[in-house]
Amino acid sequence: MFKRAIILVVLSSVLFTLIVIKNHTANPVNKTVSNDTASSEYITKEYTISKIKGNHYYGKNENGTGIRFADKSIVSGDNINVNDVVVCYFEKDNLGKGIVKVEKK
Protein backbone atom coordinates (compact mmCIF):
# COMPACT_ATOMS: atom_id res chain seq x y z
CA MET A 1 0.00 0.00 0.00
CA PHE A 2 2.87 2.36 0.87
CA LYS A 3 4.48 1.79 -2.56
CA ARG A 4 1.24 2.64 -4.35
CA ALA A 5 0.93 5.89 -2.41
CA ILE A 6 4.52 6.89 -3.33
CA ILE A 7 3.94 6.04 -7.02
CA LEU A 8 0.68 8.07 -6.98
CA VAL A 9 2.47 11.10 -5.46
CA VAL A 10 5.34 10.89 -7.96
CA LEU A 11 3.02 10.57 -10.98
CA SER A 12 0.82 13.39 -9.70
CA SER A 13 3.83 15.69 -9.27
CA VAL A 14 5.06 14.86 -12.80
CA LEU A 15 1.59 15.64 -14.20
CA PHE A 16 1.44 18.91 -12.26
CA THR A 17 4.92 19.89 -13.54
CA LEU A 18 3.93 19.18 -17.15
CA ILE A 19 0.77 21.27 -16.81
CA VAL A 20 2.70 24.20 -15.33
CA ILE A 21 5.34 24.04 -18.08
CA LYS A 22 2.69 23.90 -20.81
CA ASN A 23 0.90 26.97 -19.44
CA HIS A 24 4.11 29.03 -19.25
CA THR A 25 5.45 28.37 -22.74
CA ALA A 26 5.13 31.15 -25.32
CA ASN A 27 2.60 30.94 -28.11
CA PRO A 28 3.95 30.92 -31.67
CA VAL A 29 4.40 34.37 -33.20
CA ASN A 30 3.82 33.40 -36.82
CA LYS A 31 0.21 34.56 -36.83
CA THR A 32 -0.76 37.25 -39.30
CA VAL A 33 -1.35 40.66 -37.80
CA SER A 34 -4.51 42.43 -38.83
CA ASN A 35 -5.78 45.89 -38.04
CA ASP A 36 -6.00 46.66 -34.31
CA THR A 37 -4.70 43.25 -33.25
CA ALA A 38 -1.53 42.61 -31.36
CA SER A 39 1.44 40.45 -32.14
CA SER A 40 3.64 39.30 -29.31
CA GLU A 41 5.32 42.69 -28.83
CA TYR A 42 3.29 45.34 -30.63
CA ILE A 43 -0.16 46.78 -31.12
CA THR A 44 -0.76 47.82 -34.72
CA LYS A 45 -3.02 50.47 -36.19
CA GLU A 46 -3.62 51.29 -39.84
CA TYR A 47 -3.73 54.89 -41.03
CA THR A 48 -4.25 56.52 -44.42
CA ILE A 49 -1.77 59.32 -45.09
CA SER A 50 -3.66 62.57 -45.60
CA LYS A 51 -0.84 65.14 -45.71
CA ILE A 52 2.95 65.29 -45.95
CA LYS A 53 4.70 68.42 -44.71
CA GLY A 54 8.49 68.33 -44.79
CA ASN A 55 9.59 65.19 -43.01
CA HIS A 56 6.33 64.83 -41.06
CA TYR A 57 3.47 62.60 -42.16
CA TYR A 58 -0.14 63.07 -41.10
CA GLY A 59 -2.71 60.30 -41.26
CA LYS A 60 -6.22 59.31 -40.23
CA ASN A 61 -7.69 56.03 -39.09
CA GLU A 62 -11.07 54.68 -40.26
CA ASN A 63 -12.64 55.92 -37.03
CA GLY A 64 -11.26 59.45 -37.55
CA THR A 65 -8.33 59.24 -35.14
CA GLY A 66 -5.37 61.25 -36.39
CA ILE A 67 -1.64 60.62 -36.13
CA ARG A 68 1.58 62.44 -36.92
CA PHE A 69 5.03 60.90 -37.24
CA ALA A 70 8.44 61.78 -38.61
CA ASP A 71 10.20 60.00 -41.45
CA LYS A 72 12.72 58.50 -39.00
CA SER A 73 9.96 56.11 -37.83
CA ILE A 74 9.60 54.56 -41.29
CA VAL A 75 11.51 51.28 -41.41
CA SER A 76 10.71 50.18 -44.93
CA GLY A 77 12.55 51.67 -47.86
CA ASP A 78 9.29 52.47 -49.66
CA ASN A 79 8.29 56.02 -50.45
CA ILE A 80 5.08 56.92 -48.69
CA ASN A 81 2.72 59.26 -50.52
CA VAL A 82 -0.65 60.84 -49.79
CA ASN A 83 -3.51 58.26 -49.69
CA ASP A 84 -1.10 55.38 -48.94
CA VAL A 85 -2.07 53.05 -46.10
CA VAL A 86 0.58 52.54 -43.42
CA VAL A 87 0.77 50.25 -40.41
CA CYS A 88 1.99 51.92 -37.20
CA TYR A 89 3.46 49.75 -34.45
CA PHE A 90 3.15 50.69 -30.78
CA GLU A 91 4.66 48.83 -27.82
CA LYS A 92 2.09 46.58 -26.22
CA ASP A 93 3.03 47.46 -22.63
CA ASN A 94 4.01 51.10 -23.15
CA LEU A 95 1.63 53.00 -25.43
CA GLY A 96 2.90 56.32 -24.04
CA LYS A 97 6.27 55.80 -25.72
CA GLY A 98 4.73 56.54 -29.11
CA ILE A 99 5.31 54.94 -32.48
CA VAL A 100 8.00 52.27 -32.58
CA LYS A 101 7.99 51.86 -36.35
CA VAL A 102 5.92 52.50 -39.47
CA GLU A 103 5.60 50.29 -42.56
CA LYS A 104 3.80 50.83 -45.82
CA LYS A 105 1.01 48.31 -46.27
C-alpha atoms as a PDB file:
ATOM      1  CA  MET A   1       0.000   0.000   0.000  1.00  0.00           C
ATOM      2  CA  PHE A   2       2.867   2.356   0.866  1.00  0.00           C
ATOM      3  CA  LYS A   3       4.483   1.792  -2.561  1.00  0.00           C
ATOM      4  CA  ARG A   4       1.240   2.642  -4.348  1.00  0.00           C
ATOM      5  CA  ALA A   5       0.928   5.886  -2.413  1.00  0.00           C
ATOM      6  CA  ILE A   6       4.517   6.890  -3.330  1.00  0.00           C
ATOM      7  CA  ILE A   7       3.938   6.041  -7.017  1.00  0.00           C
ATOM      8  CA  LEU A   8       0.683   8.068  -6.977  1.00  0.00           C
ATOM      9  CA  VAL A   9       2.466  11.096  -5.462  1.00  0.00           C
ATOM     10  CA  VAL A  10       5.340  10.886  -7.962  1.00  0.00           C
ATOM     11  CA  LEU A  11       3.023  10.568 -10.977  1.00  0.00           C
ATOM     12  CA  SER A  12       0.824  13.389  -9.699  1.00  0.00           C
ATOM     13  CA  SER A  13       3.827  15.690  -9.269  1.00  0.00           C
ATOM     14  CA  VAL A  14       5.056  14.855 -12.801  1.00  0.00           C
ATOM     15  CA  LEU A  15       1.594  15.640 -14.198  1.00  0.00           C
ATOM     16  CA  PHE A  16       1.444  18.913 -12.256  1.00  0.00           C
ATOM     17  CA  THR A  17       4.915  19.892 -13.537  1.00  0.00           C
ATOM     18  CA  LEU A  18       3.932  19.185 -17.153  1.00  0.00           C
ATOM     19  CA  ILE A  19       0.768  21.273 -16.809  1.00  0.00           C
ATOM     20  CA  VAL A  20       2.699  24.203 -15.331  1.00  0.00           C
ATOM     21  CA  ILE A  21       5.345  24.036 -18.076  1.00  0.00           C
ATOM     22  CA  LYS A  22       2.687  23.902 -20.812  1.00  0.00           C
ATOM     23  CA  ASN A  23       0.903  26.968 -19.438  1.00  0.00           C
ATOM     24  CA  HIS A  24       4.105  29.032 -19.248  1.00  0.00           C
ATOM     25  CA  THR A  25       5.455  28.371 -22.736  1.00  0.00           C
ATOM     26  CA  ALA A  26       5.130  31.148 -25.322  1.00  0.00           C
ATOM     27  CA  ASN A  27       2.596  30.943 -28.108  1.00  0.00           C
ATOM     28  CA  PRO A  28       3.947  30.921 -31.665  1.00  0.00           C
ATOM     29  CA  VAL A  29       4.398  34.371 -33.202  1.00  0.00           C
ATOM     30  CA  ASN A  30       3.821  33.397 -36.822  1.00  0.00           C
ATOM     31  CA  LYS A  31       0.210  34.560 -36.832  1.00  0.00           C
ATOM     32  CA  THR A  32      -0.760  37.248 -39.304  1.00  0.00           C
ATOM     33  CA  VAL A  33      -1.350  40.662 -37.803  1.00  0.00           C
ATOM     34  CA  SER A  34      -4.514  42.429 -38.827  1.00  0.00           C
ATOM     35  CA  ASN A  35      -5.776  45.894 -38.038  1.00  0.00           C
ATOM     36  CA  ASP A  36      -6.002  46.664 -34.306  1.00  0.00           C
ATOM     37  CA  THR A  37      -4.704  43.250 -33.247  1.00  0.00           C
ATOM     38  CA  ALA A  38      -1.528  42.615 -31.362  1.00  0.00           C
ATOM     39  CA  SER A  39       1.437  40.453 -32.143  1.00  0.00           C
ATOM     40  CA  SER A  40       3.639  39.296 -29.309  1.00  0.00           C
ATOM     41  CA  GLU A  41       5.322  42.691 -28.832  1.00  0.00           C
ATOM     42  CA  TYR A  42       3.291  45.336 -30.632  1.00  0.00           C
ATOM     43  CA  ILE A  43      -0.163  46.782 -31.116  1.00  0.00           C
ATOM     44  CA  THR A  44      -0.763  47.816 -34.718  1.00  0.00           C
ATOM     45  CA  LYS A  45      -3.020  50.472 -36.189  1.00  0.00           C
ATOM     46  CA  GLU A  46      -3.621  51.288 -39.842  1.00  0.00           C
ATOM     47  CA  TYR A  47      -3.726  54.886 -41.027  1.00  0.00           C
ATOM     48  CA  THR A  48      -4.253  56.518 -44.423  1.00  0.00           C
ATOM     49  CA  ILE A  49      -1.768  59.320 -45.088  1.00  0.00           C
ATOM     50  CA  SER A  50      -3.660  62.575 -45.603  1.00  0.00           C
ATOM     51  CA  LYS A  51      -0.842  65.139 -45.706  1.00  0.00           C
ATOM     52  CA  ILE A  52       2.945  65.291 -45.948  1.00  0.00           C
ATOM     53  CA  LYS A  53       4.698  68.419 -44.711  1.00  0.00           C
ATOM     54  CA  GLY A  54       8.492  68.331 -44.791  1.00  0.00           C
ATOM     55  CA  ASN A  55       9.595  65.187 -43.009  1.00  0.00           C
ATOM     56  CA  HIS A  56       6.328  64.831 -41.055  1.00  0.00           C
ATOM     57  CA  TYR A  57       3.473  62.597 -42.164  1.00  0.00           C
ATOM     58  CA  TYR A  58      -0.145  63.071 -41.100  1.00  0.00           C
ATOM     59  CA  GLY A  59      -2.706  60.297 -41.257  1.00  0.00           C
ATOM     60  CA  LYS A  60      -6.217  59.309 -40.229  1.00  0.00           C
ATOM     61  CA  ASN A  61      -7.688  56.033 -39.085  1.00  0.00           C
ATOM     62  CA  GLU A  62     -11.067  54.680 -40.257  1.00  0.00           C
ATOM     63  CA  ASN A  63     -12.640  55.920 -37.029  1.00  0.00           C
ATOM     64  CA  GLY A  64     -11.255  59.448 -37.550  1.00  0.00           C
ATOM     65  CA  THR A  65      -8.327  59.243 -35.144  1.00  0.00           C
ATOM     66  CA  GLY A  66      -5.365  61.246 -36.388  1.00  0.00           C
ATOM     67  CA  ILE A  67      -1.644  60.619 -36.130  1.00  0.00           C
ATOM     68  CA  ARG A  68       1.576  62.444 -36.919  1.00  0.00           C
ATOM     69  CA  PHE A  69       5.028  60.900 -37.236  1.00  0.00           C
ATOM     70  CA  ALA A  70       8.444  61.776 -38.607  1.00  0.00           C
ATOM     71  CA  ASP A  71      10.198  60.004 -41.455  1.00  0.00           C
ATOM     72  CA  LYS A  72      12.717  58.504 -39.003  1.00  0.00           C
ATOM     73  CA  SER A  73       9.959  56.113 -37.829  1.00  0.00           C
ATOM     74  CA  ILE A  74       9.598  54.560 -41.290  1.00  0.00           C
ATOM     75  CA  VAL A  75      11.506  51.281 -41.405  1.00  0.00           C
ATOM     76  CA  SER A  76      10.708  50.178 -44.930  1.00  0.00           C
ATOM     77  CA  GLY A  77      12.552  51.673 -47.857  1.00  0.00           C
ATOM     78  CA  ASP A  78       9.290  52.469 -49.662  1.00  0.00           C
ATOM     79  CA  ASN A  79       8.292  56.023 -50.450  1.00  0.00           C
ATOM     80  CA  ILE A  80       5.080  56.924 -48.686  1.00  0.00           C
ATOM     81  CA  ASN A  81       2.720  59.257 -50.519  1.00  0.00           C
ATOM     82  CA  VAL A  82      -0.655  60.835 -49.795  1.00  0.00           C
ATOM     83  CA  ASN A  83      -3.506  58.261 -49.694  1.00  0.00           C
ATOM     84  CA  ASP A  84      -1.103  55.381 -48.944  1.00  0.00           C
ATOM     85  CA  VAL A  85      -2.070  53.054 -46.098  1.00  0.00           C
ATOM     86  CA  VAL A  86       0.582  52.539 -43.423  1.00  0.00           C
ATOM     87  CA  VAL A  87       0.771  50.252 -40.409  1.00  0.00           C
ATOM     88  CA  CYS A  88       1.994  51.922 -37.199  1.00  0.00           C
ATOM     89  CA  TYR A  89       3.463  49.745 -34.451  1.00  0.00           C
ATOM     90  CA  PHE A  90       3.152  50.689 -30.777  1.00  0.00           C
ATOM     91  CA  GLU A  91       4.662  48.831 -27.821  1.00  0.00           C
ATOM     92  CA  LYS A  92       2.089  46.577 -26.215  1.00  0.00           C
ATOM     93  CA  ASP A  93       3.031  47.461 -22.628  1.00  0.00           C
ATOM     94  CA  ASN A  94       4.014  51.103 -23.154  1.00  0.00           C
ATOM     95  CA  LEU A  95       1.634  53.005 -25.432  1.00  0.00           C
ATOM     96  CA  GLY A  96       2.901  56.322 -24.036  1.00  0.00           C
ATOM     97  CA  LYS A  97       6.266  55.805 -25.724  1.00  0.00           C
ATOM     98  CA  GLY A  98       4.734  56.536 -29.112  1.00  0.00           C
ATOM     99  CA  ILE A  99       5.312  54.937 -32.475  1.00  0.00           C
ATOM    100  CA  VAL A 100       7.999  52.269 -32.578  1.00  0.00           C
ATOM    101  CA  LYS A 101       7.990  51.864 -36.355  1.00  0.00           C
ATOM    102  CA  VAL A 102       5.916  52.497 -39.475  1.00  0.00           C
ATOM    103  CA  GLU A 103       5.601  50.286 -42.556  1.00  0.00           C
ATOM    104  CA  LYS A 104       3.800  50.826 -45.819  1.00  0.00           C
ATOM    105  CA  LYS A 105       1.009  48.306 -46.273  1.00  0.00           C
END
